[in-house]
Amino acid sequence: MVKINGESVNAEGRSISDYLKENGFDTKFVAVEINEEIVPKRLYGETFFKDGDCVEVVNFVGGG
């Protein structure tokens, strides 16, 4: 299991980019951190979740 934004998710072995697409995130407007380290966007397709990872996905929202 992988903890994503505080929720346990069965996402082990999936890439960041696959997870984001499957869950409706626009990669232009998110930042992803795995185990307290920010993952560069260019690595989303080649970075895979491992059992026990703690992931934070931050979605940027514009407004005033």
PDB file of N, CA and C in Angstrom:
ATOM      1  N   MET A   1       0.839  -1.183   0.000  1.00  0.00           N
ATOM      2  CA  MET A   1       0.000   0.000   0.000  1.00  0.00           C
ATOM      3  C   MET A   1       0.885   1.248   0.000  1.00  0.00           C
ATOM      4  N   VAL A   2       0.343   2.276  -0.603  1.00  0.00           N
ATOM      5  CA  VAL A   2       1.007   3.570  -0.687  1.00  0.00           C
ATOM      6  C   VAL A   2       0.090   4.585  -0.019  1.00  0.00           C
ATOM      7  N   LYS A   3       0.640   5.446   0.797  1.00  0.00           N
ATOM      8  CA  LYS A   3      -0.163   6.493   1.426  1.00  0.00           C
ATOM      9  C   LYS A   3      -0.083   7.737   0.554  1.00  0.00           C
ATOM     10  N   ILE A   4      -1.227   8.136  -0.022  1.00  0.00           N
ATOM     11  CA  ILE A   4      -1.279   9.312  -0.892  1.00  0.00           C
ATOM     12  C   ILE A   4      -2.212  10.329  -0.268  1.00  0.00           C
ATOM     13  N   ASN A   5      -1.656  11.497   0.050  1.00  0.00           N
ATOM     14  CA  ASN A   5      -2.401  12.564   0.717  1.00  0.00           C
ATOM     15  C   ASN A   5      -3.142  12.037   1.946  1.00  0.00           C
ATOM     16  N   GLY A   6      -2.446  11.180   2.713  1.00  0.00           N
ATOM     17  CA  GLY A   6      -2.984  10.679   3.970  1.00  0.00           C
ATOM     18  C   GLY A   6      -3.908   9.485   3.852  1.00  0.00           C
ATOM     19  N   GLU A   7      -4.163   9.007   2.633  1.00  0.00           N
ATOM     20  CA  GLU A   7      -5.080   7.889   2.421  1.00  0.00           C
ATOM     21  C   GLU A   7      -4.319   6.689   1.857  1.00  0.00           C
ATOM     22  N   SER A   8      -4.536   5.507   2.419  1.00  0.00           N
ATOM     23  CA  SER A   8      -3.894   4.302   1.904  1.00  0.00           C
ATOM     24  C   SER A   8      -4.526   3.916   0.572  1.00  0.00           C
ATOM     25  N   VAL A   9      -3.657   3.737  -0.439  1.00  0.00           N
ATOM     26  CA  VAL A   9      -4.107   3.450  -1.803  1.00  0.00           C
ATOM     27  C   VAL A   9      -3.295   2.275  -2.344  1.00  0.00           C
ATOM     28  N   ASN A  10      -3.947   1.400  -3.082  1.00  0.00           N
ATOM     29  CA  ASN A  10      -3.252   0.286  -3.717  1.00  0.00           C
ATOM     30  C   ASN A  10      -2.655   0.783  -5.034  1.00  0.00           C
ATOM     31  N   ALA A  11      -1.507   1.450  -4.956  1.00  0.00           N
ATOM     32  CA  ALA A  11      -0.894   2.054  -6.141  1.00  0.00           C
ATOM     33  C   ALA A  11       0.533   1.567  -6.356  1.00  0.00           C
ATOM     34  N   GLU A  12       0.939   0.550  -5.611  1.00  0.00           N
ATOM     35  CA  GLU A  12       2.298   0.034  -5.739  1.00  0.00           C
ATOM     36  C   GLU A  12       2.547  -0.410  -7.178  1.00  0.00           C
ATOM     37  N   GLY A  13       3.702  -0.009  -7.742  1.00  0.00           N
ATOM     38  CA  GLY A  13       4.083  -0.394  -9.090  1.00  0.00           C
ATOM     39  C   GLY A  13       3.554   0.517 -10.183  1.00  0.00           C
ATOM     40  N   ARG A  14       2.694   1.477  -9.838  1.00  0.00           N
ATOM     41  CA  ARG A  14       2.180   2.416 -10.841  1.00  0.00           C
ATOM     42  C   ARG A  14       3.080   3.645 -10.900  1.00  0.00           C
ATOM     43  N   SER A  15       3.199   4.215 -12.094  1.00  0.00           N
ATOM     44  CA  SER A  15       4.020   5.420 -12.224  1.00  0.00           C
ATOM     45  C   SER A  15       3.225   6.624 -11.725  1.00  0.00           C
ATOM     46  N   ILE A  16       3.948   7.672 -11.399  1.00  0.00           N
ATOM     47  CA  ILE A  16       3.293   8.908 -10.975  1.00  0.00           C
ATOM     48  C   ILE A  16       2.375   9.397 -12.083  1.00  0.00           C
ATOM     49  N   SER A  17       2.870   9.417 -13.324  1.00  0.00           N
ATOM     50  CA  SER A  17       2.056   9.963 -14.413  1.00  0.00           C
ATOM     51  C   SER A  17       0.794   9.135 -14.628  1.00  0.00           C
ATOM     52  N   ASP A  18       0.871   7.809 -14.545  1.00  0.00           N
ATOM     53  CA  ASP A  18      -0.331   6.975 -14.682  1.00  0.00           C
ATOM     54  C   ASP A  18      -1.327   7.269 -13.567  1.00  0.00           C
ATOM     55  N   TYR A  19      -0.836   7.361 -12.346  1.00  0.00           N
ATOM     56  CA  TYR A  19      -1.723   7.643 -11.217  1.00  0.00           C
ATOM     57  C   TYR A  19      -2.416   8.993 -11.396  1.00  0.00           C
ATOM     58  N   LEU A  20      -1.658  10.010 -11.784  1.00  0.00           N
ATOM     59  CA  LEU A  20      -2.239  11.341 -11.941  1.00  0.00           C
ATOM     60  C   LEU A  20      -3.305  11.356 -13.036  1.00  0.00           C
ATOM     61  N   LYS A  21      -3.010  10.734 -14.174  1.00  0.00           N
ATOM     62  CA  LYS A  21      -3.985  10.683 -15.277  1.00  0.00           C
ATOM     63  C   LYS A  21      -5.250   9.944 -14.863  1.00  0.00           C
ATOM     64  N   GLU A  22      -5.089   8.800 -14.203  1.00  0.00           N
ATOM     65  CA  GLU A  22      -6.234   7.988 -13.784  1.00  0.00           C
ATOM     66  C   GLU A  22      -7.125   8.711 -12.778  1.00  0.00           C
ATOM     67  N   ASN A  23      -6.547   9.665 -12.061  1.00  0.00           N
ATOM     68  CA  ASN A  23      -7.296  10.370 -11.030  1.00  0.00           C
ATOM     69  C   ASN A  23      -7.634  11.805 -11.399  1.00  0.00           C
ATOM     70  N   GLY A  24      -7.493  12.145 -12.684  1.00  0.00           N
ATOM     71  CA  GLY A  24      -7.954  13.427 -13.194  1.00  0.00           C
ATOM     72  C   GLY A  24      -7.098  14.629 -12.873  1.00  0.00           C
ATOM     73  N   PHE A  25      -5.842  14.420 -12.515  1.00  0.00           N
ATOM     74  CA  PHE A  25      -4.948  15.545 -12.250  1.00  0.00           C
ATOM     75  C   PHE A  25      -4.321  16.023 -13.554  1.00  0.00           C
ATOM     76  N   ASP A  26      -4.184  17.333 -13.699  1.00  0.00           N
ATOM     77  CA  ASP A  26      -3.475  17.917 -14.832  1.00  0.00           C
ATOM     78  C   ASP A  26      -2.029  18.111 -14.386  1.00  0.00           C
ATOM     79  N   THR A  27      -1.098  17.404 -15.025  1.00  0.00           N
ATOM     80  CA  THR A  27       0.290  17.439 -14.568  1.00  0.00           C
ATOM     81  C   THR A  27       0.918  18.825 -14.634  1.00  0.00           C
ATOM     82  N   LYS A  28       0.307  19.735 -15.385  1.00  0.00           N
ATOM     83  CA  LYS A  28       0.833  21.102 -15.440  1.00  0.00           C
ATOM     84  C   LYS A  28       0.604  21.846 -14.129  1.00  0.00           C
ATOM     85  N   PHE A  29      -0.383  21.403 -13.365  1.00  0.00           N
ATOM     86  CA  PHE A  29      -0.779  22.153 -12.175  1.00  0.00           C
ATOM     87  C   PHE A  29      -0.621  21.379 -10.873  1.00  0.00           C
ATOM     88  N   VAL A  30       0.284  20.391 -10.849  1.00  0.00           N
ATOM     89  CA  VAL A  30       0.522  19.650  -9.611  1.00  0.00           C
ATOM     90  C   VAL A  30       2.008  19.561  -9.317  1.00  0.00           C
ATOM     91  N   ALA A  31       2.291  19.306  -8.054  1.00  0.00           N
ATOM     92  CA  ALA A  31       3.632  18.958  -7.613  1.00  0.00           C
ATOM     93  C   ALA A  31       3.486  17.659  -6.821  1.00  0.00           C
ATOM     94  N   VAL A  32       4.471  16.779  -6.955  1.00  0.00           N
ATOM     95  CA  VAL A  32       4.416  15.486  -6.276  1.00  0.00           C
ATOM     96  C   VAL A  32       5.660  15.313  -5.422  1.00  0.00           C
ATOM     97  N   GLU A  33       5.431  14.876  -4.207  1.00  0.00           N
ATOM     98  CA  GLU A  33       6.505  14.616  -3.260  1.00  0.00           C
ATOM     99  C   GLU A  33       6.386  13.162  -2.819  1.00  0.00           C
ATOM    100  N   ILE A  34       7.488  12.429  -2.861  1.00  0.00           N
ATOM    101  CA  ILE A  34       7.518  11.054  -2.358  1.00  0.00           C
ATOM    102  C   ILE A  34       8.538  11.002  -1.230  1.00  0.00           C
ATOM    103  N   ASN A  35       8.072  10.554  -0.071  1.00  0.00           N
ATOM    104  CA  ASN A  35       8.942  10.431   1.107  1.00  0.00           C
ATOM    105  C   ASN A  35       9.729  11.715   1.362  1.00  0.00           C
ATOM    106  N   GLU A  36       9.001  12.832   1.303  1.00  0.00           N
ATOM    107  CA  GLU A  36       9.514  14.174   1.612  1.00  0.00           C
ATOM    108  C   GLU A  36      10.516  14.711   0.588  1.00  0.00           C
ATOM    109  N   GLU A  37      10.538  14.139  -0.626  1.00  0.00           N
ATOM    110  CA  GLU A  37      11.407  14.641  -1.690  1.00  0.00           C
ATOM    111  C   GLU A  37      10.558  14.955  -2.916  1.00  0.00           C
ATOM    112  N   ILE A  38      10.697  16.178  -3.432  1.00  0.00           N
ATOM    113  CA  ILE A  38       9.940  16.586  -4.614  1.00  0.00           C
ATOM    114  C   ILE A  38      10.476  15.843  -5.840  1.00  0.00           C
ATOM    115  N   VAL A  39       9.558  15.316  -6.637  1.00  0.00           N
ATOM    116  CA  VAL A  39       9.921  14.595  -7.856  1.00  0.00           C
ATOM    117  C   VAL A  39       9.797  15.563  -9.035  1.00  0.00           C
ATOM    118  N   PRO A  40      10.866  15.751  -9.815  1.00  0.00           N
ATOM    119  CA  PRO A  40      10.777  16.619 -10.997  1.00  0.00           C
ATOM    120  C   PRO A  40       9.751  16.073 -11.996  1.00  0.00           C
ATOM    121  N   LYS A  41       9.006  16.970 -12.615  1.00  0.00           N
ATOM    122  CA  LYS A  41       7.964  16.565 -13.569  1.00  0.00           C
ATOM    123  C   LYS A  41       8.508  15.655 -14.673  1.00  0.00           C
ATOM    124  N   ARG A  42       9.722  15.878 -15.107  1.00  0.00           N
ATOM    125  CA  ARG A  42      10.288  15.078 -16.191  1.00  0.00           C
ATOM    126  C   ARG A  42      10.459  13.608 -15.799  1.00  0.00           C
ATOM    127  N   LEU A  43      10.383  13.307 -14.498  1.00  0.00           N
ATOM    128  CA  LEU A  43      10.549  11.936 -14.024  1.00  0.00           C
ATOM    129  C   LEU A  43       9.231  11.240 -13.670  1.00  0.00           C
ATOM    130  N   TYR A  44       8.096  11.907 -13.879  1.00  0.00           N
ATOM    131  CA  TYR A  44       6.809  11.318 -13.501  1.00  0.00           C
ATOM    132  C   TYR A  44       6.542   9.994 -14.209  1.00  0.00           C
ATOM    133  N   GLY A  45       6.945   9.857 -15.462  1.00  0.00           N
ATOM    134  CA  GLY A  45       6.687   8.632 -16.219  1.00  0.00           C
ATOM    135  C   GLY A  45       7.591   7.472 -15.845  1.00  0.00           C
ATOM    136  N   GLU A  46       8.719   7.777 -15.210  1.00  0.00           N
ATOM    137  CA  GLU A  46       9.676   6.725 -14.871  1.00  0.00           C
ATOM    138  C   GLU A  46       9.869   6.540 -13.364  1.00  0.00           C
ATOM    139  N   THR A  47       9.028   7.195 -12.572  1.00  0.00           N
ATOM    140  CA  THR A  47       9.075   7.025 -11.123  1.00  0.00           C
ATOM    141  C   THR A  47       7.850   6.227 -10.696  1.00  0.00           C
ATOM    142  N   PHE A  48       8.106   5.087 -10.062  1.00  0.00           N
ATOM    143  CA  PHE A  48       7.042   4.162  -9.688  1.00  0.00           C
ATOM    144  C   PHE A  48       6.886   4.114  -8.178  1.00  0.00           C
ATOM    145  N   PHE A  49       5.636   4.048  -7.732  1.00  0.00           N
ATOM    146  CA  PHE A  49       5.360   3.949  -6.306  1.00  0.00           C
ATOM    147  C   PHE A  49       5.793   2.584  -5.784  1.00  0.00           C
ATOM    148  N   LYS A  50       6.383   2.594  -4.578  1.00  0.00           N
ATOM    149  CA  LYS A  50       6.791   1.369  -3.912  1.00  0.00           C
ATOM    150  C   LYS A  50       5.968   1.210  -2.630  1.00  0.00           C
ATOM    151  N   ASP A  51       5.802  -0.025  -2.216  1.00  0.00           N
ATOM    152  CA  ASP A  51       5.073  -0.305  -0.989  1.00  0.00           C
ATOM    153  C   ASP A  51       5.663   0.513   0.157  1.00  0.00           C
ATOM    154  N   GLY A  52       4.807   1.197   0.889  1.00  0.00           N
ATOM    155  CA  GLY A  52       5.245   1.991   2.032  1.00  0.00           C
ATOM    156  C   GLY A  52       5.569   3.437   1.726  1.00  0.00           C
ATOM    157  N   ASP A  53       5.554   3.827   0.442  1.00  0.00           N
ATOM    158  CA  ASP A  53       5.821   5.223   0.096  1.00  0.00           C
ATOM    159  C   ASP A  53       4.766   6.136   0.704  1.00  0.00           C
ATOM    160  N   CYS A  54       5.202   7.318   1.089  1.00  0.00           N
ATOM    161  CA  CYS A  54       4.306   8.370   1.563  1.00  0.00           C
ATOM    162  C   CYS A  54       4.351   9.483   0.512  1.00  0.00           C
ATOM    163  N   VAL A  55       3.202   9.715  -0.123  1.00  0.00           N
ATOM    164  CA  VAL A  55       3.130  10.612  -1.275  1.00  0.00           C
ATOM    165  C   VAL A  55       2.208  11.784  -0.969  1.00  0.00           C
ATOM    166  N   GLU A  56       2.618  12.959  -1.398  1.00  0.00           N
ATOM    167  CA  GLU A  56       1.761  14.146  -1.333  1.00  0.00           C
ATOM    168  C   GLU A  56       1.620  14.691  -2.746  1.00  0.00           C
ATOM    169  N   VAL A  57       0.382  14.873  -3.176  1.00  0.00           N
ATOM    170  CA  VAL A  57       0.095  15.486  -4.469  1.00  0.00           C
ATOM    171  C   VAL A  57      -0.559  16.823  -4.172  1.00  0.00           C
ATOM    172  N   VAL A  58       0.091  17.893  -4.615  1.00  0.00           N
ATOM    173  CA  VAL A  58      -0.419  19.242  -4.373  1.00  0.00           C
ATOM    174  C   VAL A  58      -0.923  19.797  -5.691  1.00  0.00           C
ATOM    175  N   ASN A  59      -2.184  20.184  -5.706  1.00  0.00           N
ATOM    176  CA  ASN A  59      -2.839  20.719  -6.900  1.00  0.00           C
ATOM    177  C   ASN A  59      -2.915  22.235  -6.758  1.00  0.00           C
ATOM    178  N   PHE A  60      -2.312  22.958  -7.704  1.00  0.00           N
ATOM    179  CA  PHE A  60      -2.314  24.415  -7.649  1.00  0.00           C
ATOM    180  C   PHE A  60      -3.616  24.961  -8.202  1.00  0.00           C
ATOM    181  N   VAL A  61      -4.180  25.915  -7.505  1.00  0.00           N
ATOM    182  CA  VAL A  61      -5.448  26.517  -7.898  1.00  0.00           C
ATOM    183  C   VAL A  61      -5.253  28.019  -7.977  1.00  0.00           C
ATOM    184  N   GLY A  62      -5.651  28.603  -9.101  1.00  0.00           N
ATOM    185  CA  GLY A  62      -5.544  30.049  -9.266  1.00  0.00           C
ATOM    186  C   GLY A  62      -6.750  30.749  -8.674  1.00  0.00           C
ATOM    187  N   GLY A  63      -6.613  31.996  -8.453  1.00  0.00           N
ATOM    188  CA  GLY A  63      -7.719  32.770  -7.929  1.00  0.00           C
ATOM    189  C   GLY A  63      -7.216  34.052  -7.294  1.00  0.00           C
ATOM    190  N   GLY A  64      -8.151  34.811  -6.827  1.00  0.00           N
ATOM    191  CA  GLY A  64      -7.721  36.089  -6.250  1.00  0.00           C
ATOM    192  C   GLY A  64      -8.500  36.488  -5.061  1.00  0.00           C
TER     193      GLY A  64
END
